[in-house]
Structures are given as C-alpha cells and as structure tokens.
C-alpha cells in the first residue's frame, strides 16, 4: 500500500491565491450595480410621487392603480412596482420615511414595508408624524 501524499496541483494553488482578488472584484461590481439600482429606484419614486400628486396616472395614462401603471407602461417587476406605489400612495402620511426613500438614505423595499405596517395600525398612523422630544443627556 502506497502512503505517499500526492503533490498539490499548481492550478489549484493558483486559483486559491487568486480567489480573494476575484471575490473583491465581484463584490465591487455588485456594490456599484446595487448602488446604481437603488439610485434609479429613488429617482423613479420621486417621479411617481409627482405623478400621484398631479393624478397623472389616471388623467393622462388611464390607470387607476400606480402599481398597474408601472408594470404595464414601464415593465417594472411587480414587487418593485408595488413597493414604489405603496410609498407614493402613503407619502403624505409618512413624510420622513418618504424623504429617506427619495434621497436614497433607505432602500425602497424597507421603506415600503415600514409604511405598510404603520398604515395598518390607526395609532401608528396618528403618532407617526409626531416629532420626538429632544434627547436628554444621560446622567451616567
């Protein structure tokens, strides 16, 4: 029985040493793409809010629902269109969350989830626009 350890394959060693560099390049490309997509979603949200305020989706485009308008006219994915439509529909109720989404400070899907949840509860709808008190310094 031969118990000799086989010699490592040089191609395998090279690929293991190149993997971190390849991973960094892939991560950079994906980070840039995600930032661009999120920036585009914020731009779209601003335009949809303006269209909703002017009621353009109904009067000029013939759609009663914002989501259907975005899906049919602009070929948005249903979930993305639903998230954008939810924020635009509730923009006047939750201006701070809307501002975070339009400026790109928060992702569209996270803000859409928040406005949907806040809109479900009457108490949350009432107290959501209430500003917080000024923070008090800790005695410790």
Protein backbone atom coordinates (compact mmCIF):
# COMPACT_ATOMS: atom_id res chain seq x y z
CA UNK A 1 0.00 0.00 0.00
CA UNK A 2 1.41 3.34 -1.09
CA UNK A 3 1.03 6.07 1.58
CA UNK A 4 2.74 8.84 -0.35
CA UNK A 5 0.98 12.21 -0.31
CA UNK A 6 0.16 13.37 -3.81
CA UNK A 7 1.80 16.57 -4.98
CA UNK A 8 -0.53 19.57 -4.99
CA UNK A 9 -1.84 20.65 -8.33
CA UNK A 10 -0.29 24.03 -9.25
CA UNK A 11 -3.51 25.15 -10.95
CA UNK A 12 -5.45 24.56 -7.73
CA UNK A 13 -2.94 26.53 -5.68
CA UNK A 14 -3.04 29.40 -8.16
CA UNK A 15 -6.82 29.50 -8.14
CA UNK A 16 -6.86 29.60 -4.32
CA UNK A 17 -4.49 32.53 -4.21
CA UNK A 18 -6.44 34.39 -6.91
CA UNK A 19 -9.84 33.78 -5.27
CA UNK A 20 -9.69 36.71 -2.82
CA UNK A 21 -8.82 39.12 -5.63
CA UNK A 22 -11.63 37.74 -7.79
CA UNK A 23 -14.06 37.94 -4.86
CA UNK A 24 -13.10 41.56 -4.23
CA UNK A 25 -13.63 42.41 -7.90
CA UNK A 26 -17.03 40.69 -7.97
CA UNK A 27 -18.06 42.42 -4.73
CA UNK A 28 -17.03 45.82 -6.11
CA UNK A 29 -19.01 45.24 -9.31
CA UNK A 30 -22.09 44.12 -7.38
CA UNK A 31 -21.83 47.03 -4.90
CA UNK A 32 -21.69 49.51 -7.78
CA UNK A 33 -24.62 47.87 -9.54
CA UNK A 34 -26.72 47.78 -6.36
CA UNK A 35 -25.97 51.45 -5.66
CA UNK A 36 -26.98 52.36 -9.22
CA UNK A 37 -30.20 50.34 -8.99
CA UNK A 38 -31.11 51.90 -5.64
CA UNK A 39 -30.39 55.38 -7.02
CA UNK A 40 -32.64 54.67 -10.02
CA UNK A 41 -35.40 53.40 -7.74
CA UNK A 42 -35.17 56.62 -5.71
CA UNK A 43 -35.42 58.67 -8.91
CA UNK A 44 -38.41 56.64 -10.07
CA UNK A 45 -40.07 57.07 -6.69
CA UNK A 46 -39.71 60.85 -6.90
CA UNK A 47 -41.31 60.86 -10.35
CA UNK A 48 -44.13 58.55 -9.27
CA UNK A 49 -44.87 60.73 -6.23
CA UNK A 50 -45.08 63.77 -8.51
CA UNK A 51 -47.39 61.87 -10.89
CA UNK A 52 -49.56 60.72 -7.98
CA UNK A 53 -49.88 64.25 -6.59
CA UNK A 54 -50.95 65.55 -10.02
CA UNK A 55 -53.13 62.45 -10.58
CA UNK A 56 -51.38 61.89 -13.92
CA UNK A 57 -51.59 58.10 -13.76
CA UNK A 58 -55.38 58.45 -14.02
CA UNK A 59 -55.92 61.51 -16.19
CA UNK A 60 -53.12 61.12 -18.72
CA UNK A 61 -52.29 57.42 -18.70
CA UNK A 62 -55.66 55.83 -17.86
CA UNK A 63 -54.57 53.69 -14.91
CA UNK A 64 -56.36 53.75 -11.59
CA UNK A 65 -53.59 51.92 -9.73
CA UNK A 66 -50.00 53.10 -9.59
CA UNK A 67 -48.64 49.55 -9.48
CA UNK A 68 -50.51 48.52 -12.62
CA UNK A 69 -49.32 51.66 -14.37
CA UNK A 70 -45.67 50.93 -13.52
CA UNK A 71 -45.91 47.29 -14.54
CA UNK A 72 -47.86 47.82 -17.76
CA UNK A 73 -46.36 51.03 -19.06
CA UNK A 74 -42.77 50.74 -17.87
CA UNK A 75 -42.20 46.98 -17.43
CA UNK A 76 -41.27 47.15 -13.75
CA UNK A 77 -41.13 43.94 -11.75
CA UNK A 78 -44.38 43.53 -9.78
CA UNK A 79 -42.78 43.66 -6.34
CA UNK A 80 -40.69 46.73 -7.14
CA UNK A 81 -43.72 48.45 -8.62
CA UNK A 82 -45.82 47.54 -5.58
CA UNK A 83 -43.17 48.94 -3.22
CA UNK A 84 -42.85 52.20 -5.15
CA UNK A 85 -46.64 52.54 -5.40
CA UNK A 86 -47.11 51.93 -1.66
CA UNK A 87 -44.63 54.64 -0.75
CA UNK A 88 -46.10 57.09 -3.27
CA UNK A 89 -49.64 56.40 -2.07
CA UNK A 90 -48.71 56.96 1.58
CA UNK A 91 -46.16 59.75 1.01
CA UNK A 92 -48.27 62.45 2.67
CA UNK A 93 -48.89 60.32 5.77
CA UNK A 94 -45.25 59.40 6.32
CA UNK A 95 -43.09 62.26 5.02
CA UNK A 96 -39.94 61.29 6.93
CA UNK A 97 -39.92 57.77 5.50
CA UNK A 98 -40.72 59.09 2.05
CA UNK A 99 -37.86 61.55 2.26
CA UNK A 100 -35.48 58.75 3.28
CA UNK A 101 -36.55 56.68 0.27
CA UNK A 102 -36.42 59.54 -2.26
CA UNK A 103 -32.97 60.69 -1.12
CA UNK A 104 -31.60 57.16 -1.18
CA UNK A 105 -30.90 57.09 2.56
CA UNK A 106 -33.07 53.96 2.83
CA UNK A 107 -33.91 51.22 0.37
CA UNK A 108 -37.30 51.23 -1.31
CA UNK A 109 -38.33 47.78 -0.07
CA UNK A 110 -37.52 48.61 3.55
CA UNK A 111 -39.44 51.88 3.46
CA UNK A 112 -42.38 50.21 1.71
CA UNK A 113 -42.55 47.59 4.45
CA UNK A 114 -42.46 50.29 7.13
CA UNK A 115 -45.20 52.43 5.59
CA UNK A 116 -47.42 49.40 5.04
CA UNK A 117 -47.02 48.28 8.64
CA UNK A 118 -47.54 51.77 10.04
CA UNK A 119 -50.62 52.27 7.89
CA UNK A 120 -52.25 49.12 9.29
CA UNK A 121 -52.49 50.49 12.82
CA UNK A 122 -54.62 53.59 13.48
CA UNK A 123 -52.47 54.59 16.46
CA UNK A 124 -49.30 54.34 14.40
CA UNK A 125 -50.85 56.47 11.66
CA UNK A 126 -51.78 59.09 14.21
CA UNK A 127 -48.49 59.25 16.07
CA UNK A 128 -46.09 58.64 13.15
CA UNK A 129 -45.88 62.37 12.25
CA UNK A 130 -45.35 63.36 15.91
CA UNK A 131 -41.78 64.62 16.36
CA UNK A 132 -39.65 63.08 19.06
CA UNK A 133 -38.61 65.15 22.04
CA UNK A 134 -35.07 66.46 22.16
CA UNK A 135 -32.72 63.84 23.59
CA UNK A 136 -31.81 64.25 27.22
CA UNK A 137 -28.15 63.75 28.17
CA UNK A 138 -27.55 60.60 30.16
CA UNK A 139 -26.68 61.09 33.83
CA UNK A 140 -24.16 58.25 33.58
